[in-house]
Amino acid sequence: MAMPVLILRPQPGADEMAAQLTREGFAPVLAPIFEISTLGISLPPLSGFSALIFTSANGVRQFAQLSSARNLPVLAIGPRTAQSARDAGFIEVQHFAGDRAKLITALQRDASYLHLHGSHQAGDLSAEAEKSGIICQSLAIYRSQAIDSLPAAACDFLQKPDGIITFFSARAAQVFNALANNQGLLDHTKRFYAVTISSSVADNLNPRQWKAISNASTPDMAGIISALRHVSENKV
């Protein structure tokens, strides 16, 4: 029987992940705990920048709704974000396998960058870049709003005898914990495995509340799928 996997990511990424997990032989259950909405802002003149930086596929999607410009090079945090940029029509796209440090190291002092992201972000990439003397403007163009209660699909999932719950950000782990606790379901996670995209995300989960917590070997979908396979096959 296919191992059930709970997906908490917002749409449309949740559907994309579900399709990929289905092809890999898992049984995905969709229960997004965030809703994406535009902030309705105007972009600055893009002629003043050497390249665009995207740290999420949602950033690419929101930019594509705000502008038809596709002539600037794109620096994307990971392969999924990079593919979203290519799908949106960008030609020159480079990604850094989910490694922020590598992305920042690749920035040049004689260039200027525009980082387009959500209103909630892990760390401040622009501030980190500017410490190295790099011009990098930060602009939030969308909001990722946490919902008020766990979706019915997540509540039903937590009644199963076992399964895997995936976490792609520290915020997702924090919101899930709060919602599950508010609804009296947090103790149910002791029957489940957690798979996180990195150890920093796992730090937001209490090991005592889970059967086991596994981290992706690389901070991308390939790493997540590898970790899911390992958990499914070995139950560790």
Protein backbone atom coordinates (compact mmCIF):
# COMPACT_ATOMS: atom_id res chain seq x y z
CA MET A 1 0.00 0.00 0.00
CA ALA A 2 1.28 3.45 -0.91
CA MET A 3 2.48 5.52 2.03
CA PRO A 4 0.17 8.51 2.63
CA VAL A 5 1.95 11.88 2.58
CA LEU A 6 0.38 15.10 3.85
CA ILE A 7 1.21 18.23 1.83
CA LEU A 8 0.83 21.53 3.66
CA ARG A 9 2.19 23.78 0.89
CA PRO A 10 -0.03 26.48 -0.64
CA GLN A 11 -1.50 26.20 -4.11
CA PRO A 12 -0.56 25.82 -6.91
CA GLY A 13 2.61 24.23 -5.51
CA ALA A 14 0.56 21.68 -3.56
CA ASP A 15 -0.97 20.28 -6.75
CA GLU A 16 2.43 20.16 -8.46
CA MET A 17 3.96 18.28 -5.54
CA ALA A 18 1.01 15.89 -5.36
CA ALA A 19 1.39 15.00 -9.03
CA GLN A 20 5.08 14.32 -8.55
CA LEU A 21 4.56 12.18 -5.45
CA THR A 22 1.85 10.18 -7.20
CA ARG A 23 4.31 9.37 -9.99
CA GLU A 24 6.79 8.26 -7.31
CA GLY A 25 4.28 5.82 -5.83
CA PHE A 26 3.09 7.78 -2.78
CA ALA A 27 -0.47 8.64 -1.80
CA PRO A 28 -0.51 12.45 -1.39
CA VAL A 29 -3.15 14.27 0.64
CA LEU A 30 -3.49 18.01 0.08
CA ALA A 31 -4.12 20.28 3.06
CA PRO A 32 -2.59 23.73 2.36
CA ILE A 33 -2.21 25.83 5.51
CA PHE A 34 -1.25 29.02 3.65
CA GLU A 35 -3.08 31.11 1.07
CA ILE A 36 -1.14 33.21 -1.46
CA SER A 37 -2.38 36.68 -2.37
CA THR A 38 -0.87 39.64 -4.20
CA LEU A 39 0.15 42.77 -2.32
CA GLY A 40 -0.92 44.96 -5.23
CA ILE A 41 2.36 46.86 -5.41
CA SER A 42 4.05 48.45 -8.45
CA LEU A 43 7.46 47.29 -9.59
CA PRO A 44 10.35 49.77 -9.80
CA PRO A 45 11.84 50.42 -13.29
CA LEU A 46 13.55 47.14 -14.17
CA SER A 47 16.11 48.91 -16.38
CA GLY A 48 18.01 49.78 -13.20
CA PHE A 49 18.81 46.15 -12.39
CA SER A 50 21.28 43.63 -13.75
CA ALA A 51 19.28 40.57 -12.70
CA LEU A 52 16.27 39.37 -10.72
CA ILE A 53 16.50 37.08 -7.69
CA PHE A 54 13.68 34.67 -6.82
CA THR A 55 13.70 32.51 -3.70
CA SER A 56 10.34 30.86 -4.35
CA ALA A 57 8.20 29.74 -7.26
CA ASN A 58 5.41 31.90 -5.84
CA GLY A 59 7.63 34.93 -6.31
CA VAL A 60 8.05 34.05 -9.98
CA ARG A 61 4.31 33.57 -10.45
CA GLN A 62 3.45 36.88 -8.81
CA PHE A 63 6.09 38.74 -10.84
CA ALA A 64 4.68 37.23 -14.04
CA GLN A 65 1.31 38.78 -13.18
CA LEU A 66 2.89 42.19 -12.58
CA SER A 67 5.20 42.43 -15.60
CA SER A 68 5.70 41.00 -19.07
CA ALA A 69 9.46 41.70 -18.94
CA ARG A 70 11.51 38.55 -19.41
CA ASN A 71 14.79 40.02 -20.64
CA LEU A 72 16.70 40.09 -17.35
CA PRO A 73 18.77 37.14 -16.12
CA VAL A 74 17.29 35.25 -13.17
CA LEU A 75 19.06 33.86 -10.13
CA ALA A 76 16.81 31.26 -8.49
CA ILE A 77 17.38 29.64 -5.12
CA GLY A 78 16.56 26.09 -6.29
CA PRO A 79 15.63 23.96 -9.31
CA ARG A 80 11.87 24.22 -8.77
CA THR A 81 12.01 28.01 -8.65
CA ALA A 82 14.30 27.99 -11.68
CA GLN A 83 11.85 25.83 -13.62
CA SER A 84 9.03 28.19 -12.72
CA ALA A 85 11.11 31.05 -14.15
CA ARG A 86 11.70 29.12 -17.38
CA ASP A 87 8.01 28.27 -17.58
CA ALA A 88 7.23 31.98 -17.20
CA GLY A 89 9.40 32.76 -20.24
CA PHE A 90 12.78 33.70 -18.77
CA ILE A 91 15.68 32.46 -20.90
CA GLU A 92 18.77 33.01 -18.77
CA VAL A 93 18.13 31.20 -15.49
CA GLN A 94 20.63 29.94 -12.94
CA HIS A 95 19.89 28.09 -9.71
CA PHE A 96 21.89 27.24 -6.60
CA ALA A 97 20.35 23.98 -5.36
CA GLY A 98 18.64 25.68 -2.43
CA ASP A 99 21.89 27.11 -1.04
CA ARG A 100 21.49 30.80 -0.09
CA ALA A 101 25.19 31.18 0.69
CA LYS A 102 26.15 30.02 -2.81
CA LEU A 103 23.61 32.37 -4.37
CA ILE A 104 25.00 35.35 -2.43
CA THR A 105 28.58 34.37 -3.29
CA ALA A 106 27.65 34.42 -6.99
CA LEU A 107 26.48 38.06 -6.83
CA GLN A 108 28.83 40.64 -8.32
CA ARG A 109 29.76 43.99 -6.83
CA ASP A 110 29.56 45.79 -10.18
CA ALA A 111 25.94 44.67 -10.70
CA SER A 112 22.60 45.51 -9.08
CA TYR A 113 19.87 43.03 -8.15
CA LEU A 114 16.17 42.99 -7.32
CA HIS A 115 15.05 40.29 -4.89
CA LEU A 116 11.33 39.57 -5.28
CA HIS A 117 9.77 37.58 -2.46
CA GLY A 118 6.87 37.15 -0.06
CA SER A 119 6.09 39.32 2.96
CA HIS A 120 7.36 36.46 5.16
CA GLN A 121 10.86 35.28 4.34
CA ALA A 122 13.48 33.24 6.16
CA GLY A 123 16.34 35.66 6.69
CA ASP A 124 17.08 38.81 4.70
CA LEU A 125 18.99 37.94 1.54
CA SER A 126 19.34 41.58 0.48
CA ALA A 127 20.82 42.61 3.81
CA GLU A 128 23.26 39.70 3.67
CA ALA A 129 24.31 40.69 0.15
CA GLU A 130 24.74 44.34 1.08
CA LYS A 131 27.12 43.37 3.89
CA SER A 132 29.44 42.28 1.08
CA GLY A 133 29.04 45.58 -0.75
CA ILE A 134 26.50 44.25 -3.27
CA ILE A 135 23.54 46.36 -4.38
CA CYS A 136 20.42 44.27 -3.83
CA GLN A 137 16.96 45.78 -3.43
CA SER A 138 14.36 43.75 -1.53
CA LEU A 139 10.71 43.88 -2.59
CA ALA A 140 7.80 41.87 -1.16
CA ILE A 141 5.24 41.28 -3.92
CA TYR A 142 2.93 38.68 -2.34
CA ARG A 143 1.59 37.54 1.00
CA SER A 144 1.51 33.99 2.33
CA GLN A 145 -1.30 34.08 4.89
CA ALA A 146 -1.71 31.27 7.41
CA ILE A 147 -5.25 29.90 7.67
CA ASP A 148 -7.18 29.86 10.95
CA SER A 149 -7.62 26.11 11.41
CA LEU A 150 -6.32 22.86 9.99
CA PRO A 151 -8.15 21.82 6.82
CA ALA A 152 -10.53 18.87 7.15
CA ALA A 153 -8.14 16.79 5.02
CA ALA A 154 -5.36 17.32 7.58
CA CYS A 155 -7.67 16.45 10.48
CA ASP A 156 -8.74 13.26 8.72
CA PHE A 157 -5.09 12.45 7.92
CA LEU A 158 -4.18 12.66 11.60
CA GLN A 159 -6.71 9.91 12.31
CA LYS A 160 -4.72 7.46 10.14
CA PRO A 161 -2.54 4.78 11.77
CA ASP A 162 0.60 6.27 10.20
CA GLY A 163 1.91 8.41 7.37
CA ILE A 164 4.37 11.19 6.59
CA ILE A 165 3.92 14.95 6.95
CA THR A 166 6.23 17.19 4.92
CA PHE A 167 7.57 20.59 5.97
CA PHE A 168 9.27 23.05 3.63
CA SER A 169 9.79 25.96 6.02
CA ALA A 170 10.18 26.79 9.68
CA ARG A 171 7.00 28.86 9.44
CA ALA A 172 5.03 25.87 8.13
CA ALA A 173 6.21 23.79 11.08
CA GLN A 174 5.30 26.55 13.53
CA VAL A 175 1.85 27.14 12.03
CA PHE A 176 1.07 23.41 11.86
CA ASN A 177 2.10 22.97 15.51
CA ALA A 178 -0.10 25.86 16.61
CA LEU A 179 -3.14 24.77 14.60
CA ALA A 180 -2.86 21.11 15.61
CA ASN A 181 -2.45 22.11 19.25
CA ASN A 182 -5.44 24.45 19.13
CA GLN A 183 -7.59 21.65 17.71
CA GLY A 184 -6.38 19.04 20.20
CA LEU A 185 -4.59 17.01 17.52
CA LEU A 186 -0.92 17.57 18.29
CA ASP A 187 -0.53 14.30 20.22
CA HIS A 188 -1.71 12.42 17.12
CA THR A 189 1.59 13.23 15.40
CA LYS A 190 3.31 10.63 17.58
CA ARG A 191 2.08 8.04 15.07
CA PHE A 192 3.59 9.92 12.13
CA TYR A 193 6.90 10.63 10.47
CA ALA A 194 8.00 14.15 9.60
CA VAL A 195 10.15 14.91 6.56
CA THR A 196 11.67 18.38 6.44
CA ILE A 197 13.62 20.21 3.77
CA SER A 198 16.46 21.06 6.17
CA SER A 199 17.66 20.64 9.74
CA SER A 200 16.79 24.29 10.47
CA VAL A 201 13.15 23.46 9.68
CA ALA A 202 13.34 20.31 11.82
CA ASP A 203 14.49 22.47 14.75
CA ASN A 204 10.88 23.72 14.94
CA LEU A 205 9.51 20.23 15.56
CA ASN A 206 9.65 18.47 18.92
CA PRO A 207 11.19 15.00 18.37
CA ARG A 208 9.03 13.66 21.21
CA GLN A 209 5.91 14.51 19.21
CA TRP A 210 6.91 12.34 16.22
CA LYS A 211 7.67 8.74 15.45
CA ALA A 212 10.79 10.06 13.69
CA ILE A 213 11.99 13.19 11.90
CA SER A 214 14.05 12.95 8.72
CA ASN A 215 15.73 15.78 6.83
CA ALA A 216 16.22 15.99 3.07
CA SER A 217 19.83 15.44 2.03
CA THR A 218 19.52 18.42 -0.32
CA PRO A 219 17.12 21.36 0.19
CA ASP A 220 14.97 20.68 -2.86
CA MET A 221 12.24 18.36 -4.12
CA ALA A 222 14.74 15.66 -5.07
CA GLY A 223 16.00 15.64 -1.48
CA ILE A 224 12.45 15.50 -0.12
CA ILE A 225 11.52 12.57 -2.36
CA SER A 226 14.69 10.71 -1.39
CA ALA A 227 13.87 11.19 2.29
CA LEU A 228 10.27 10.08 1.70
CA ARG A 229 11.48 6.90 0.02
CA HIS A 230 13.87 6.17 2.88
CA VAL A 231 11.15 6.61 5.49
CA SER A 232 8.60 4.62 3.49
CA GLU A 233 10.96 1.71 2.89
CA ASN A 234 12.66 1.59 6.27
CA LYS A 235 10.07 3.13 8.62
CA VAL A 236 12.73 5.22 10.36
